[in-house]
mmCIF file of all heavy atoms, coordinates in Angstrom:
data_MODEL
# 
_entry.id   MODEL 
# 
loop_
_atom_site.group_PDB 
_atom_site.id 
_atom_site.type_symbol 
_atom_site.label_atom_id 
_atom_site.label_alt_id 
_atom_site.label_comp_id 
_atom_site.label_asym_id 
_atom_site.label_entity_id 
_atom_site.label_seq_id 
_atom_site.pdbx_PDB_ins_code 
_atom_site.Cartn_x 
_atom_site.Cartn_y 
_atom_site.Cartn_z 
_atom_site.occupancy 
_atom_site.B_iso_or_equiv 
_atom_site.pdbx_formal_charge 
_atom_site.auth_seq_id 
_atom_site.auth_comp_id 
_atom_site.auth_asym_id 
_atom_site.auth_atom_id 
_atom_site.pdbx_PDB_model_num 
ATOM 1   N N   . HIS A 1 1  ? 93.413  111.915 98.780  1.00 0.00 ? 1  HIS A N   1 
ATOM 2   C CA  . HIS A 1 1  ? 94.745  112.468 98.527  1.00 0.00 ? 1  HIS A CA  1 
ATOM 3   C C   . HIS A 1 1  ? 94.891  113.779 99.285  1.00 0.00 ? 1  HIS A C   1 
ATOM 4   O O   . HIS A 1 1  ? 95.901  114.013 99.968  1.00 0.00 ? 1  HIS A O   1 
ATOM 5   C CB  . HIS A 1 1  ? 94.966  112.697 97.030  1.00 0.00 ? 1  HIS A CB  1 
ATOM 6   C CG  . HIS A 1 1  ? 96.352  113.144 96.700  1.00 0.00 ? 1  HIS A CG  1 
ATOM 7   N ND1 . HIS A 1 1  ? 97.333  112.273 96.263  1.00 0.00 ? 1  HIS A ND1 1 
ATOM 8   C CD2 . HIS A 1 1  ? 96.939  114.371 96.755  1.00 0.00 ? 1  HIS A CD2 1 
ATOM 9   C CE1 . HIS A 1 1  ? 98.453  112.937 96.067  1.00 0.00 ? 1  HIS A CE1 1 
ATOM 10  N NE2 . HIS A 1 1  ? 98.244  114.214 96.352  1.00 0.00 ? 1  HIS A NE2 1 
ATOM 11  N N   . ALA A 1 2  ? 93.870  114.630 99.197  1.00 0.00 ? 2  ALA A N   1 
ATOM 12  C CA  . ALA A 1 2  ? 93.900  115.910 99.898  1.00 0.00 ? 2  ALA A CA  1 
ATOM 13  C C   . ALA A 1 2  ? 93.877  115.713 101.412 1.00 0.00 ? 2  ALA A C   1 
ATOM 14  O O   . ALA A 1 2  ? 94.596  116.405 102.152 1.00 0.00 ? 2  ALA A O   1 
ATOM 15  C CB  . ALA A 1 2  ? 92.723  116.778 99.453  1.00 0.00 ? 2  ALA A CB  1 
ATOM 16  N N   . LEU A 1 3  ? 93.059  114.754 101.888 1.00 0.00 ? 3  LEU A N   1 
ATOM 17  C CA  . LEU A 1 3  ? 92.980  114.536 103.330 1.00 0.00 ? 3  LEU A CA  1 
ATOM 18  C C   . LEU A 1 3  ? 94.274  113.947 103.868 1.00 0.00 ? 3  LEU A C   1 
ATOM 19  O O   . LEU A 1 3  ? 94.697  114.251 104.993 1.00 0.00 ? 3  LEU A O   1 
ATOM 20  C CB  . LEU A 1 3  ? 91.806  113.613 103.656 1.00 0.00 ? 3  LEU A CB  1 
ATOM 21  C CG  . LEU A 1 3  ? 91.311  113.654 105.110 1.00 0.00 ? 3  LEU A CG  1 
ATOM 22  C CD1 . LEU A 1 3  ? 90.772  115.032 105.467 1.00 0.00 ? 3  LEU A CD1 1 
ATOM 23  C CD2 . LEU A 1 3  ? 90.242  112.589 105.346 1.00 0.00 ? 3  LEU A CD2 1 
ATOM 24  N N   . GLY A 1 4  ? 94.929  113.111 103.071 1.00 0.00 ? 4  GLY A N   1 
ATOM 25  C CA  . GLY A 1 4  ? 96.229  112.593 103.472 1.00 0.00 ? 4  GLY A CA  1 
ATOM 26  C C   . GLY A 1 4  ? 97.254  113.696 103.619 1.00 0.00 ? 4  GLY A C   1 
ATOM 27  O O   . GLY A 1 4  ? 98.066  113.703 104.554 1.00 0.00 ? 4  GLY A O   1 
ATOM 28  N N   . GLU A 1 5  ? 97.232  114.649 102.684 1.00 0.00 ? 5  GLU A N   1 
ATOM 29  C CA  . GLU A 1 5  ? 98.137  115.792 102.784 1.00 0.00 ? 5  GLU A CA  1 
ATOM 30  C C   . GLU A 1 5  ? 97.823  116.628 104.014 1.00 0.00 ? 5  GLU A C   1 
ATOM 31  O O   . GLU A 1 5  ? 98.731  117.159 104.669 1.00 0.00 ? 5  GLU A O   1 
ATOM 32  C CB  . GLU A 1 5  ? 98.045  116.644 101.513 1.00 0.00 ? 5  GLU A CB  1 
ATOM 33  C CG  . GLU A 1 5  ? 98.597  115.952 100.273 1.00 0.00 ? 5  GLU A CG  1 
ATOM 34  C CD  . GLU A 1 5  ? 100.026 115.474 100.466 1.00 0.00 ? 5  GLU A CD  1 
ATOM 35  O OE1 . GLU A 1 5  ? 100.876 116.308 100.859 1.00 0.00 ? 5  GLU A OE1 1 
ATOM 36  O OE2 . GLU A 1 5  ? 100.292 114.273 100.261 1.00 0.00 ? 5  GLU A OE2 1 
ATOM 37  N N   . LYS A 1 6  ? 96.522  116.760 104.336 1.00 0.00 ? 6  LYS A N   1 
ATOM 38  C CA  . LYS A 1 6  ? 96.129  117.475 105.547 1.00 0.00 ? 6  LYS A CA  1 
ATOM 39  C C   . LYS A 1 6  ? 96.676  116.773 106.781 1.00 0.00 ? 6  LYS A C   1 
ATOM 40  O O   . LYS A 1 6  ? 97.202  117.419 107.702 1.00 0.00 ? 6  LYS A O   1 
ATOM 41  C CB  . LYS A 1 6  ? 94.597  117.552 105.616 1.00 0.00 ? 6  LYS A CB  1 
ATOM 42  C CG  . LYS A 1 6  ? 94.055  118.215 106.880 1.00 0.00 ? 6  LYS A CG  1 
ATOM 43  C CD  . LYS A 1 6  ? 94.436  119.682 106.963 1.00 0.00 ? 6  LYS A CD  1 
ATOM 44  C CE  . LYS A 1 6  ? 93.785  120.351 108.150 1.00 0.00 ? 6  LYS A CE  1 
ATOM 45  N NZ  . LYS A 1 6  ? 94.199  121.782 108.282 1.00 0.00 ? 6  LYS A NZ  1 
ATOM 46  N N   . ALA A 1 7  ? 96.577  115.456 106.799 1.00 0.00 ? 7  ALA A N   1 
ATOM 47  C CA  . ALA A 1 7  ? 97.113  114.701 107.930 1.00 0.00 ? 7  ALA A CA  1 
ATOM 48  C C   . ALA A 1 7  ? 98.614  114.941 108.075 1.00 0.00 ? 7  ALA A C   1 
ATOM 49  O O   . ALA A 1 7  ? 99.111  115.154 109.192 1.00 0.00 ? 7  ALA A O   1 
ATOM 50  C CB  . ALA A 1 7  ? 96.825  113.207 107.746 1.00 0.00 ? 7  ALA A CB  1 
ATOM 51  N N   . ARG A 1 8  ? 99.320  114.910 106.965 1.00 0.00 ? 8  ARG A N   1 
ATOM 52  C CA  . ARG A 1 8  ? 100.767 115.154 107.007 1.00 0.00 ? 8  ARG A CA  1 
ATOM 53  C C   . ARG A 1 8  ? 101.074 116.563 107.526 1.00 0.00 ? 8  ARG A C   1 
ATOM 54  O O   . ARG A 1 8  ? 102.019 116.759 108.290 1.00 0.00 ? 8  ARG A O   1 
ATOM 55  C CB  . ARG A 1 8  ? 101.367 114.957 105.606 1.00 0.00 ? 8  ARG A CB  1 
ATOM 56  C CG  . ARG A 1 8  ? 101.421 113.495 105.143 1.00 0.00 ? 8  ARG A CG  1 
ATOM 57  C CD  . ARG A 1 8  ? 102.573 112.759 105.803 1.00 0.00 ? 8  ARG A CD  1 
ATOM 58  N NE  . ARG A 1 8  ? 102.605 111.355 105.468 1.00 0.00 ? 8  ARG A NE  1 
ATOM 59  C CZ  . ARG A 1 8  ? 103.335 110.830 104.474 1.00 0.00 ? 8  ARG A CZ  1 
ATOM 60  N NH1 . ARG A 1 8  ? 104.054 111.619 103.687 1.00 0.00 ? 8  ARG A NH1 1 
ATOM 61  N NH2 . ARG A 1 8  ? 103.325 109.533 104.270 1.00 0.00 ? 8  ARG A NH2 1 
ATOM 62  N N   . SER A 1 9  ? 100.273 117.531 107.101 1.00 0.00 ? 9  SER A N   1 
ATOM 63  C CA  . SER A 1 9  ? 100.506 118.912 107.540 1.00 0.00 ? 9  SER A CA  1 
ATOM 64  C C   . SER A 1 9  ? 100.296 119.074 109.042 1.00 0.00 ? 9  SER A C   1 
ATOM 65  O O   . SER A 1 9  ? 100.859 119.995 109.661 1.00 0.00 ? 9  SER A O   1 
ATOM 66  C CB  . SER A 1 9  ? 99.594  119.872 106.776 1.00 0.00 ? 9  SER A CB  1 
ATOM 67  O OG  . SER A 1 9  ? 98.257  119.802 107.236 1.00 0.00 ? 9  SER A OG  1 
ATOM 68  N N   . LEU A 1 10 ? 99.489  118.173 109.634 1.00 0.00 ? 10 LEU A N   1 
ATOM 69  C CA  . LEU A 1 10 ? 99.235  118.213 111.070 1.00 0.00 ? 10 LEU A CA  1 
ATOM 70  C C   . LEU A 1 10 ? 100.237 117.360 111.855 1.00 0.00 ? 10 LEU A C   1 
ATOM 71  O O   . LEU A 1 10 ? 100.130 117.242 113.069 1.00 0.00 ? 10 LEU A O   1 
ATOM 72  C CB  . LEU A 1 10 ? 97.816  117.719 111.357 1.00 0.00 ? 10 LEU A CB  1 
ATOM 73  C CG  . LEU A 1 10 ? 96.676  118.642 110.902 1.00 0.00 ? 10 LEU A CG  1 
ATOM 74  C CD1 . LEU A 1 10 ? 95.336  117.915 110.986 1.00 0.00 ? 10 LEU A CD1 1 
ATOM 75  C CD2 . LEU A 1 10 ? 96.648  119.912 111.742 1.00 0.00 ? 10 LEU A CD2 1 
ATOM 76  N N   . GLY A 1 11 ? 101.184 116.758 111.165 1.00 0.00 ? 11 GLY A N   1 
ATOM 77  C CA  . GLY A 1 11 ? 102.213 115.970 111.820 1.00 0.00 ? 11 GLY A CA  1 
ATOM 78  C C   . GLY A 1 11 ? 101.905 114.494 111.934 1.00 0.00 ? 11 GLY A C   1 
ATOM 79  O O   . GLY A 1 11 ? 102.633 113.757 112.617 1.00 0.00 ? 11 GLY A O   1 
ATOM 80  N N   . MET A 1 12 ? 100.841 114.037 111.254 1.00 0.00 ? 12 MET A N   1 
ATOM 81  C CA  . MET A 1 12 ? 100.493 112.621 111.281 1.00 0.00 ? 12 MET A CA  1 
ATOM 82  C C   . MET A 1 12 ? 101.018 111.914 110.038 1.00 0.00 ? 12 MET A C   1 
ATOM 83  O O   . MET A 1 12 ? 101.498 112.558 109.111 1.00 0.00 ? 12 MET A O   1 
ATOM 84  C CB  . MET A 1 12 ? 98.970  112.477 111.410 1.00 0.00 ? 12 MET A CB  1 
ATOM 85  C CG  . MET A 1 12 ? 98.430  113.066 112.701 1.00 0.00 ? 12 MET A CG  1 
ATOM 86  S SD  . MET A 1 12 ? 96.637  112.816 112.965 1.00 0.00 ? 12 MET A SD  1 
ATOM 87  C CE  . MET A 1 12 ? 95.952  114.006 111.800 1.00 0.00 ? 12 MET A CE  1 
ATOM 88  N N   . GLU A 1 13 ? 100.906 110.585 110.012 1.00 0.00 ? 13 GLU A N   1 
ATOM 89  C CA  . GLU A 1 13 ? 101.396 109.815 108.871 1.00 0.00 ? 13 GLU A CA  1 
ATOM 90  C C   . GLU A 1 13 ? 100.417 109.840 107.700 1.00 0.00 ? 13 GLU A C   1 
ATOM 91  O O   . GLU A 1 13 ? 100.826 109.901 106.550 1.00 0.00 ? 13 GLU A O   1 
ATOM 92  C CB  . GLU A 1 13 ? 101.666 108.369 109.276 1.00 0.00 ? 13 GLU A CB  1 
ATOM 93  C CG  . GLU A 1 13 ? 102.810 108.205 110.271 1.00 0.00 ? 13 GLU A CG  1 
ATOM 94  C CD  . GLU A 1 13 ? 104.164 108.550 109.675 1.00 0.00 ? 13 GLU A CD  1 
ATOM 95  O OE1 . GLU A 1 13 ? 104.349 108.335 108.463 1.00 0.00 ? 13 GLU A OE1 1 
ATOM 96  O OE2 . GLU A 1 13 ? 105.010 109.053 110.425 1.00 0.00 ? 13 GLU A OE2 1 
ATOM 97  N N   . GLY A 1 14 ? 99.102  109.753 108.001 1.00 0.00 ? 14 GLY A N   1 
ATOM 98  C CA  . GLY A 1 14 ? 98.157  109.778 106.901 1.00 0.00 ? 14 GLY A CA  1 
ATOM 99  C C   . GLY A 1 14 ? 96.832  109.145 107.233 1.00 0.00 ? 14 GLY A C   1 
ATOM 100 O O   . GLY A 1 14 ? 96.455  108.992 108.402 1.00 0.00 ? 14 GLY A O   1 
ATOM 101 N N   . ILE A 1 15 ? 96.113  108.763 106.163 1.00 0.00 ? 15 ILE A N   1 
ATOM 102 C CA  . ILE A 1 15 ? 94.766  108.207 106.241 1.00 0.00 ? 15 ILE A CA  1 
ATOM 103 C C   . ILE A 1 15 ? 94.811  106.723 105.900 1.00 0.00 ? 15 ILE A C   1 
ATOM 104 O O   . ILE A 1 15 ? 95.435  106.326 104.912 1.00 0.00 ? 15 ILE A O   1 
ATOM 105 C CB  . ILE A 1 15 ? 93.827  108.917 105.251 1.00 0.00 ? 15 ILE A CB  1 
ATOM 106 C CG1 . ILE A 1 15 ? 93.821  110.428 105.495 1.00 0.00 ? 15 ILE A CG1 1 
ATOM 107 C CG2 . ILE A 1 15 ? 92.415  108.334 105.330 1.00 0.00 ? 15 ILE A CG2 1 
ATOM 108 C CD1 . ILE A 1 15 ? 93.287  110.849 106.848 1.00 0.00 ? 15 ILE A CD1 1 
ATOM 109 N N   . ALA A 1 16 ? 94.118  105.908 106.706 1.00 0.00 ? 16 ALA A N   1 
ATOM 110 C CA  . ALA A 1 16 ? 94.019  104.472 106.442 1.00 0.00 ? 16 ALA A CA  1 
ATOM 111 C C   . ALA A 1 16 ? 92.578  104.149 106.069 1.00 0.00 ? 16 ALA A C   1 
ATOM 112 O O   . ALA A 1 16 ? 91.675  104.245 106.909 1.00 0.00 ? 16 ALA A O   1 
ATOM 113 C CB  . ALA A 1 16 ? 94.450  103.665 107.667 1.00 0.00 ? 16 ALA A CB  1 
ATOM 114 N N   . LEU A 1 17 ? 92.352  103.780 104.803 1.00 0.00 ? 17 LEU A N   1 
ATOM 115 C CA  . LEU A 1 17 ? 91.011  103.442 104.338 1.00 0.00 ? 17 LEU A CA  1 
ATOM 116 C C   . LEU A 1 17 ? 90.648  102.037 104.810 1.00 0.00 ? 17 LEU A C   1 
ATOM 117 O O   . LEU A 1 17 ? 91.417  101.095 104.633 1.00 0.00 ? 17 LEU A O   1 
ATOM 118 C CB  . LEU A 1 17 ? 90.935  103.524 102.817 1.00 0.00 ? 17 LEU A CB  1 
ATOM 119 C CG  . LEU A 1 17 ? 91.159  104.908 102.208 1.00 0.00 ? 17 LEU A CG  1 
ATOM 120 C CD1 . LEU A 1 17 ? 91.040  104.841 100.686 1.00 0.00 ? 17 LEU A CD1 1 
ATOM 121 C CD2 . LEU A 1 17 ? 90.180  105.922 102.775 1.00 0.00 ? 17 LEU A CD2 1 
ATOM 122 N N   . GLU A 1 18 ? 89.455  101.913 105.354 1.00 0.00 ? 18 GLU A N   1 
ATOM 123 C CA  . GLU A 1 18 ? 89.027  100.656 105.969 1.00 0.00 ? 18 GLU A CA  1 
ATOM 124 C C   . GLU A 1 18 ? 88.288  99.758  104.981 1.00 0.00 ? 18 GLU A C   1 
ATOM 125 O O   . GLU A 1 18 ? 87.464  100.237 104.193 1.00 0.00 ? 18 GLU A O   1 
ATOM 126 C CB  . GLU A 1 18 ? 88.107  100.969 107.155 1.00 0.00 ? 18 GLU A CB  1 
ATOM 127 C CG  . GLU A 1 18 ? 87.648  99.753  107.932 1.00 0.00 ? 18 GLU A CG  1 
ATOM 128 C CD  . GLU A 1 18 ? 86.850  100.127 109.163 1.00 0.00 ? 18 GLU A CD  1 
ATOM 129 O OE1 . GLU A 1 18 ? 86.748  101.325 109.488 1.00 0.00 ? 18 GLU A OE1 1 
ATOM 130 O OE2 . GLU A 1 18 ? 86.326  99.191  109.804 1.00 0.00 ? 18 GLU A OE2 1 
ATOM 131 N N   . ASN A 1 19 ? 88.591  98.461  105.048 1.00 0.00 ? 19 ASN A N   1 
ATOM 132 C CA  . ASN A 1 19 ? 87.759  97.496  104.309 1.00 0.00 ? 19 ASN A CA  1 
ATOM 133 C C   . ASN A 1 19 ? 86.402  97.404  104.982 1.00 0.00 ? 19 ASN A C   1 
ATOM 134 O O   . ASN A 1 19 ? 86.294  97.421  106.201 1.00 0.00 ? 19 ASN A O   1 
ATOM 135 C CB  . ASN A 1 19 ? 88.438  96.124  104.256 1.00 0.00 ? 19 ASN A CB  1 
ATOM 136 C CG  . ASN A 1 19 ? 88.561  95.487  105.631 1.00 0.00 ? 19 ASN A CG  1 
ATOM 137 O OD1 . ASN A 1 19 ? 89.048  96.111  106.579 1.00 0.00 ? 19 ASN A OD1 1 
ATOM 138 N ND2 . ASN A 1 19 ? 88.145  94.237  105.757 1.00 0.00 ? 19 ASN A ND2 1 
ATOM 139 N N   . MET A 1 20 ? 85.365  97.333  104.182 1.00 0.00 ? 20 MET A N   1 
ATOM 140 C CA  . MET A 1 20 ? 84.012  97.403  104.713 1.00 0.00 ? 20 MET A CA  1 
ATOM 141 C C   . MET A 1 20 ? 83.334  96.037  104.746 1.00 0.00 ? 20 MET A C   1 
ATOM 142 O O   . MET A 1 20 ? 83.814  95.077  104.169 1.00 0.00 ? 20 MET A O   1 
ATOM 143 C CB  . MET A 1 20 ? 83.181  98.395  103.897 1.00 0.00 ? 20 MET A CB  1 
ATOM 144 C CG  . MET A 1 20 ? 83.764  99.810  103.898 1.00 0.00 ? 20 MET A CG  1 
ATOM 145 S SD  . MET A 1 20 ? 84.142  100.418 105.561 1.00 0.00 ? 20 MET A SD  1 
ATOM 146 C CE  . MET A 1 20 ? 82.541  100.341 106.320 1.00 0.00 ? 20 MET A CE  1 
ATOM 147 N N   . ALA A 1 21 ? 82.191  95.979  105.447 1.00 0.00 ? 21 ALA A N   1 
ATOM 148 C CA  . ALA A 1 21 ? 81.434  94.735  105.532 1.00 0.00 ? 21 ALA A CA  1 
ATOM 149 C C   . ALA A 1 21 ? 80.646  94.544  104.248 1.00 0.00 ? 21 ALA A C   1 
ATOM 150 O O   . ALA A 1 21 ? 79.810  95.367  103.907 1.00 0.00 ? 21 ALA A O   1 
ATOM 151 C CB  . ALA A 1 21 ? 80.492  94.774  106.733 1.00 0.00 ? 21 ALA A CB  1 
ATOM 152 N N   . TYR A 1 22 ? 80.922  93.479  103.528 1.00 0.00 ? 22 TYR A N   1 
ATOM 153 C CA  . TYR A 1 22 ? 80.283  93.259  102.237 1.00 0.00 ? 22 TYR A CA  1 
ATOM 154 C C   . TYR A 1 22 ? 78.886  92.690  102.435 1.00 0.00 ? 22 TYR A C   1 
ATOM 155 O O   . TYR A 1 22 ? 78.705  91.633  103.028 1.00 0.00 ? 22 TYR A O   1 
ATOM 156 C CB  . TYR A 1 22 ? 81.111  92.293  101.397 1.00 0.00 ? 22 TYR A CB  1 
ATOM 157 C CG  . TYR A 1 22 ? 80.568  92.118  100.006 1.00 0.00 ? 22 TYR A CG  1 
ATOM 158 C CD1 . TYR A 1 22 ? 80.525  93.190  99.126  1.00 0.00 ? 22 TYR A CD1 1 
ATOM 159 C CD2 . TYR A 1 22 ? 80.076  90.889  99.573  1.00 0.00 ? 22 TYR A CD2 1 
ATOM 160 C CE1 . TYR A 1 22 ? 80.033  93.040  97.845  1.00 0.00 ? 22 TYR A CE1 1 
ATOM 161 C CE2 . TYR A 1 22 ? 79.571  90.729  98.296  1.00 0.00 ? 22 TYR A CE2 1 
ATOM 162 C CZ  . TYR A 1 22 ? 79.548  91.808  97.434  1.00 0.00 ? 22 TYR A CZ  1 
ATOM 163 O OH  . TYR A 1 22 ? 79.046  91.668  96.170  1.00 0.00 ? 22 TYR A OH  1 
ATOM 164 N N   . LEU A 1 23 ? 77.889  93.403  101.924 1.00 0.00 ? 23 LEU A N   1 
ATOM 165 C CA  . LEU A 1 23 ? 76.510  92.959  102.057 1.00 0.00 ? 23 LEU A CA  1 
ATOM 166 C C   . LEU A 1 23 ? 75.842  92.806  100.697 1.00 0.00 ? 23 LEU A C   1 
ATOM 167 O O   . LEU A 1 23 ? 74.644  92.916  100.566 1.00 0.00 ? 23 LEU A O   1 
ATOM 168 C CB  . LEU A 1 23 ? 75.726  93.969  102.913 1.00 0.00 ? 23 LEU A CB  1 
ATOM 169 C CG  . LEU A 1 23 ? 76.230  94.146  104.345 1.00 0.00 ? 23 LEU A CG  1 
ATOM 170 C CD1 . LEU A 1 23 ? 75.464  95.254  105.049 1.00 0.00 ? 23 LEU A CD1 1 
ATOM 171 C CD2 . LEU A 1 23 ? 76.082  92.852  105.119 1.00 0.00 ? 23 LEU A CD2 1 
ATOM 172 N N   . GLY A 1 24 ? 76.628  92.556  99.671  1.00 0.00 ? 24 GLY A N   1 
ATOM 173 C CA  . GLY A 1 24 ? 76.079  92.414  98.328  1.00 0.00 ? 24 GLY A CA  1 
ATOM 174 C C   . GLY A 1 24 ? 76.195  93.712  97.541  1.00 0.00 ? 24 GLY A C   1 
ATOM 175 O O   . GLY A 1 24 ? 76.368  94.784  98.110  1.00 0.00 ? 24 GLY A O   1 
ATOM 176 N N   . PRO A 1 25 ? 76.127  93.630  96.236  1.00 0.00 ? 25 PRO A N   1 
ATOM 177 C CA  . PRO A 1 25 ? 76.336  94.824  95.400  1.00 0.00 ? 25 PRO A CA  1 
ATOM 178 C C   . PRO A 1 25 ? 75.264  95.886  95.579  1.00 0.00 ? 25 PRO A C   1 
ATOM 179 O O   . PRO A 1 25 ? 75.526  97.068  95.393  1.00 0.00 ? 25 PRO A O   1 
ATOM 180 C CB  . PRO A 1 25 ? 76.319  94.255  93.977  1.00 0.00 ? 25 PRO A CB  1 
ATOM 181 C CG  . PRO A 1 25 ? 75.566  92.971  94.076  1.00 0.00 ? 25 PRO A CG  1 
ATOM 182 C CD  . PRO A 1 25 ? 75.887  92.432  95.433  1.00 0.00 ? 25 PRO A CD  1 
ATOM 183 N N   . TYR A 1 26 ? 74.061  95.494  95.976  1.00 0.00 ? 26 TYR A N   1 
ATOM 184 C CA  . TYR A 1 26 ? 73.002  96.472  96.204  1.00 0.00 ? 26 TYR A CA  1 
ATOM 185 C C   . TYR A 1 26 ? 72.272  96.113  97.497  1.00 0.00 ? 26 TYR A C   1 
ATOM 186 O O   . TYR A 1 26 ? 71.219  95.497  97.493  1.00 0.00 ? 26 TYR A O   1 
ATOM 187 C CB  . TYR A 1 26 ? 72.033  96.530  95.016  1.00 0.00 ? 26 TYR A CB  1 
ATOM 188 C CG  . TYR A 1 26 ? 72.702  97.053  93.789  1.00 0.00 ? 26 TYR A CG  1 
ATOM 189 C CD1 . TYR A 1 26 ? 73.212  96.183  92.829  1.00 0.00 ? 26 TYR A CD1 1 
ATOM 190 C CD2 . TYR A 1 26 ? 72.890  98.416  93.596  1.00 0.00 ? 26 TYR A CD2 1 
ATOM 191 C CE1 . TYR A 1 26 ? 73.868  96.657  91.709  1.00 0.00 ? 26 TYR A CE1 1 
ATOM 192 C CE2 . TYR A 1 26 ? 73.536  98.893  92.472  1.00 0.00 ? 26 TYR A CE2 1 
ATOM 193 C CZ  . TYR A 1 26 ? 74.026  98.010  91.535  1.00 0.00 ? 26 TYR A CZ  1 
ATOM 194 O OH  . TYR A 1 26 ? 74.685  98.495  90.447  1.00 0.00 ? 26 TYR A OH  1 
# 
């Protein structure tokens, strides 16, 4: 949330969180 606000303050749209490669719960 804070980093998204930082992105907006710099003139960008925001942060896009990436889906990760699933390798099992542990």
